[in-house]
Protein backbone atom coordinates (compact mmCIF):
# COMPACT_ATOMS: atom_id res chain seq x y z
CA MET A 1 107.20 -18.39 92.82
CA ARG A 2 110.07 -16.27 94.05
CA GLU A 3 112.62 -17.87 96.38
CA ILE A 4 116.25 -16.22 98.20
CA ILE A 5 118.22 -18.30 100.48
CA LEU A 6 120.09 -16.55 102.74
CA VAL A 7 122.63 -18.69 104.04
CA ARG A 8 125.54 -17.72 107.02
CA HIS A 9 128.96 -19.13 105.79
CA GLY A 10 130.63 -22.10 106.97
CA GLU A 11 133.31 -21.89 110.07
CA PRO A 12 136.45 -19.87 109.55
CA ASP A 13 139.82 -20.76 109.78
CA LEU A 14 141.05 -18.82 112.59
CA GLU A 15 142.55 -19.15 116.32
CA ILE A 16 140.17 -16.51 118.20
CA PRO A 17 142.59 -14.46 120.89
CA GLN A 18 141.57 -15.08 124.48
CA LYS A 19 141.09 -11.32 124.78
CA ILE A 20 142.11 -8.67 123.25
CA SER A 21 141.60 -4.66 123.43
CA ALA A 22 139.49 -2.05 121.60
CA ASN A 23 142.84 -1.19 119.54
CA GLU A 24 143.73 -4.74 118.50
CA ILE A 25 140.07 -5.32 117.30
CA PRO A 26 140.97 -3.46 113.23
CA ILE A 27 143.76 -6.19 113.28
CA PHE A 28 141.47 -9.40 114.26
CA LEU A 29 138.72 -7.95 111.85
CA GLN A 30 141.39 -8.22 109.37
CA LYS A 31 142.19 -11.34 109.96
CA TYR A 32 139.24 -12.95 110.57
CA ASN A 33 137.71 -11.31 107.20
CA SER A 34 140.95 -13.10 105.07
CA ALA A 35 140.34 -16.33 107.11
CA SER A 36 139.90 -19.61 104.98
CA LEU A 37 137.23 -21.90 106.00
CA LYS A 38 137.96 -24.94 107.92
CA GLN A 39 138.57 -27.63 106.52
CA ASN A 40 135.91 -29.81 108.49
CA SER A 41 133.57 -27.08 107.68
CA THR A 42 130.60 -28.44 105.74
CA PRO A 43 127.09 -27.83 104.45
CA SER A 44 124.07 -30.17 104.97
CA ASN A 45 122.81 -32.25 102.14
CA LYS A 46 120.03 -29.95 101.96
CA LEU A 47 122.27 -27.08 101.56
CA LEU A 48 124.17 -28.60 98.61
CA PHE A 49 120.54 -29.69 96.96
CA LEU A 50 119.14 -26.17 97.42
CA SER A 51 122.61 -24.39 95.78
CA GLN A 52 121.96 -26.13 92.48
CA ASN A 53 120.42 -24.96 89.72
CA ALA A 54 120.30 -21.41 91.57
CA ALA A 55 121.53 -17.39 91.00
CA VAL A 56 124.62 -18.01 93.72
CA VAL A 57 125.73 -14.53 95.22
CA CYS A 58 128.54 -13.99 97.80
CA SER A 59 130.39 -11.22 98.84
CA ASP A 60 134.03 -10.36 98.14
CA LEU A 61 135.24 -12.08 101.30
CA VAL A 62 137.03 -15.40 101.18
CA ARG A 63 134.58 -17.18 103.82
CA SER A 64 131.56 -16.07 101.54
CA ILE A 65 133.54 -17.63 97.86
CA GLN A 66 134.61 -20.61 99.67
CA SER A 67 131.02 -21.47 101.07
CA ALA A 68 129.73 -21.36 97.52
CA GLN A 69 132.71 -23.52 96.65
CA LYS A 70 131.86 -26.49 98.96
CA CYS A 71 128.52 -26.55 97.59
CA SER A 72 129.94 -27.31 94.36
CA VAL A 73 128.40 -24.06 92.82
CA SER A 74 130.54 -21.31 91.51
CA PRO A 75 128.92 -17.53 92.34
CA TYR A 76 127.35 -15.69 89.49
CA MET A 77 127.92 -12.47 91.49
CA VAL A 78 130.37 -11.62 93.94
CA ASP A 79 130.22 -8.36 95.45
CA THR A 80 131.58 -6.12 98.29
CA LEU A 81 127.88 -4.89 98.98
CA PHE A 82 126.98 -8.18 100.54
CA ARG A 83 129.50 -8.03 103.21
CA GLU A 84 128.92 -7.72 106.89
CA SER A 85 128.78 -4.96 108.46
CA ILE A 86 131.88 -3.56 110.21
CA PRO A 87 131.33 -3.07 113.93
CA PRO A 88 132.19 0.63 115.81
CA TYR A 89 134.81 0.34 118.27
CA PHE A 90 136.54 2.39 120.57
CA GLN A 91 140.19 3.24 120.49
CA ASN A 92 141.67 1.99 123.73
CA ASP A 93 143.94 -0.33 125.46
CA PHE A 94 142.65 0.13 129.33
CA PHE A 95 139.94 -2.63 128.95
CA ARG A 96 140.62 -6.43 127.14
CA PHE A 97 137.40 -8.68 126.78
CA THR A 98 137.33 -11.55 124.10
CA PRO A 99 136.35 -10.80 120.31
CA LYS A 100 132.56 -11.75 121.09
CA GLN A 101 132.22 -9.71 124.48
CA TRP A 102 133.60 -6.65 121.94
CA LEU A 103 131.08 -7.88 119.12
CA VAL A 104 128.00 -7.88 121.43
CA PHE A 105 128.88 -4.97 123.21
CA SER A 106 130.09 -2.85 119.81
CA ARG A 107 126.28 -4.14 118.46
CA LEU A 108 124.15 -2.83 121.54
CA LEU A 109 125.67 0.33 121.42
CA TRP A 110 125.28 0.02 117.33
CA LEU A 111 121.15 0.02 117.65
CA ILE A 112 121.47 3.19 119.56
CA GLY A 113 123.61 5.23 117.28
CA PHE A 114 127.55 4.83 118.38
CA SER A 115 129.30 4.36 114.50
CA ASN A 116 133.00 5.20 115.63
CA ASN A 117 135.40 3.45 113.27
CA GLY A 118 132.21 1.03 111.84
CA GLU A 119 129.32 1.60 109.68
CA SER A 120 126.47 3.26 111.24
CA LEU A 121 122.95 1.32 111.44
CA ILE A 122 121.61 3.52 109.09
CA GLY A 123 124.10 3.20 106.46
CA ALA A 124 123.87 -0.70 107.17
CA ILE A 125 119.82 -0.93 106.65
CA LYS A 126 120.15 1.34 103.26
CA ARG A 127 123.16 -1.45 101.98
CA ALA A 128 120.61 -4.37 103.14
CA LYS A 129 117.99 -2.60 101.17
CA LYS A 130 119.80 -2.02 97.79
CA ALA A 131 121.61 -5.87 98.10
CA ALA A 132 117.59 -7.02 98.94
CA ASN A 133 117.09 -5.38 95.61
CA ILE A 134 119.27 -7.22 93.54
CA LEU A 135 118.05 -10.36 95.30
CA ILE A 136 115.08 -9.61 94.40
CA GLU A 137 115.49 -8.92 91.07
CA LEU A 138 117.29 -11.78 90.41
CA SER A 139 114.53 -14.70 92.15
CA LYS A 140 112.25 -13.07 89.02
CA SER A 141 114.14 -15.62 86.81
CA GLU A 142 115.54 -18.45 88.89
CA ARG A 143 116.18 -19.17 92.72
CA VAL A 144 118.84 -17.31 94.26
CA VAL A 145 121.39 -18.14 97.01
CA LEU A 146 123.14 -15.59 99.20
CA PHE A 147 126.35 -16.87 100.85
CA GLY A 148 126.50 -14.11 103.25
CA HIS A 149 127.05 -12.84 107.32
CA GLY A 150 125.16 -13.20 110.01
CA LEU A 151 124.18 -9.80 111.37
CA PHE A 152 123.95 -8.88 107.08
CA ASN A 153 121.50 -11.45 106.69
CA ILE A 154 119.26 -10.38 109.21
CA LEU A 155 119.15 -6.86 107.39
CA ILE A 156 118.70 -8.75 104.06
CA ALA A 157 115.39 -10.54 105.82
CA LYS A 158 113.71 -7.76 107.50
CA GLU A 159 113.29 -5.79 103.89
CA LEU A 160 113.07 -9.23 101.91
CA ARG A 161 109.73 -9.45 104.26
CA ARG A 162 108.96 -6.05 104.47
CA ARG A 163 108.62 -6.75 100.57
CA GLY A 164 106.24 -9.26 101.22
CA PHE A 165 108.32 -12.36 101.07
CA SER A 166 108.01 -14.89 103.87
CA GLY A 167 110.15 -16.12 106.36
CA LYS A 168 112.10 -16.32 109.32
CA LYS A 169 112.80 -13.15 111.31
CA VAL A 170 116.54 -14.36 111.70
CA PRO A 171 118.02 -16.50 108.69
CA ALA A 172 120.58 -18.27 110.51
CA LYS A 173 122.45 -18.16 113.66
CA LYS A 174 125.11 -21.09 113.06
CA HIS A 175 127.42 -21.26 110.40
CA TRP A 176 125.92 -22.98 107.38
CA ASP A 177 122.54 -22.09 108.83
CA TYR A 178 119.94 -20.47 106.06
CA GLY A 179 116.42 -19.21 105.43
CA LYS A 180 114.14 -19.49 103.05
CA TYR A 181 112.64 -16.52 101.97
CA ILE A 182 109.35 -17.15 99.56
CA LYS A 183 107.05 -14.82 97.69
CA LEU A 184 103.87 -16.62 95.81
CA LYS A 185 102.77 -14.22 93.52
CA ASP A 186 103.61 -10.16 92.97
CA ARG A 187 100.45 -7.76 93.52
CA ILE A 188 99.50 -6.71 90.19
């Protein structure tokens, strides 16, 4: 049996601004990507258990690595491949929205092909396929736990399901949530 667990990282310690312009998105993303985890952001006991005796994989972002550390495990692999997809954005100072509103708006545009200043959907899907290949290969010998990121974990989950693994379509909506993907046997 193969088992891959896709975990959404713990909650970052970051002050979220009320509203920002599109031109401020890169500054916000830089702060978000360098943020440590909140002190009180802790995993469940079940996740602590699942993380033990596993090949632990992380993106190179602090919040991903610290999430593994909060589960008392050291990453087997740390790679930029597992980073969250950079959302597209306009260069404009006129409109001001909350970061969450910008994210929803940009992801909707992303689904119809807009990728200015960010990663394209096609690029993110290709990267998720590469990430899934690595996780599948690692799962041949032991359980794999990826401390990853919300949207990118969804893309990896889609690829795992396409490749015969069973599990949820959306692995995690909240910080520290996870989805378990299992494949009982390989086709001969």
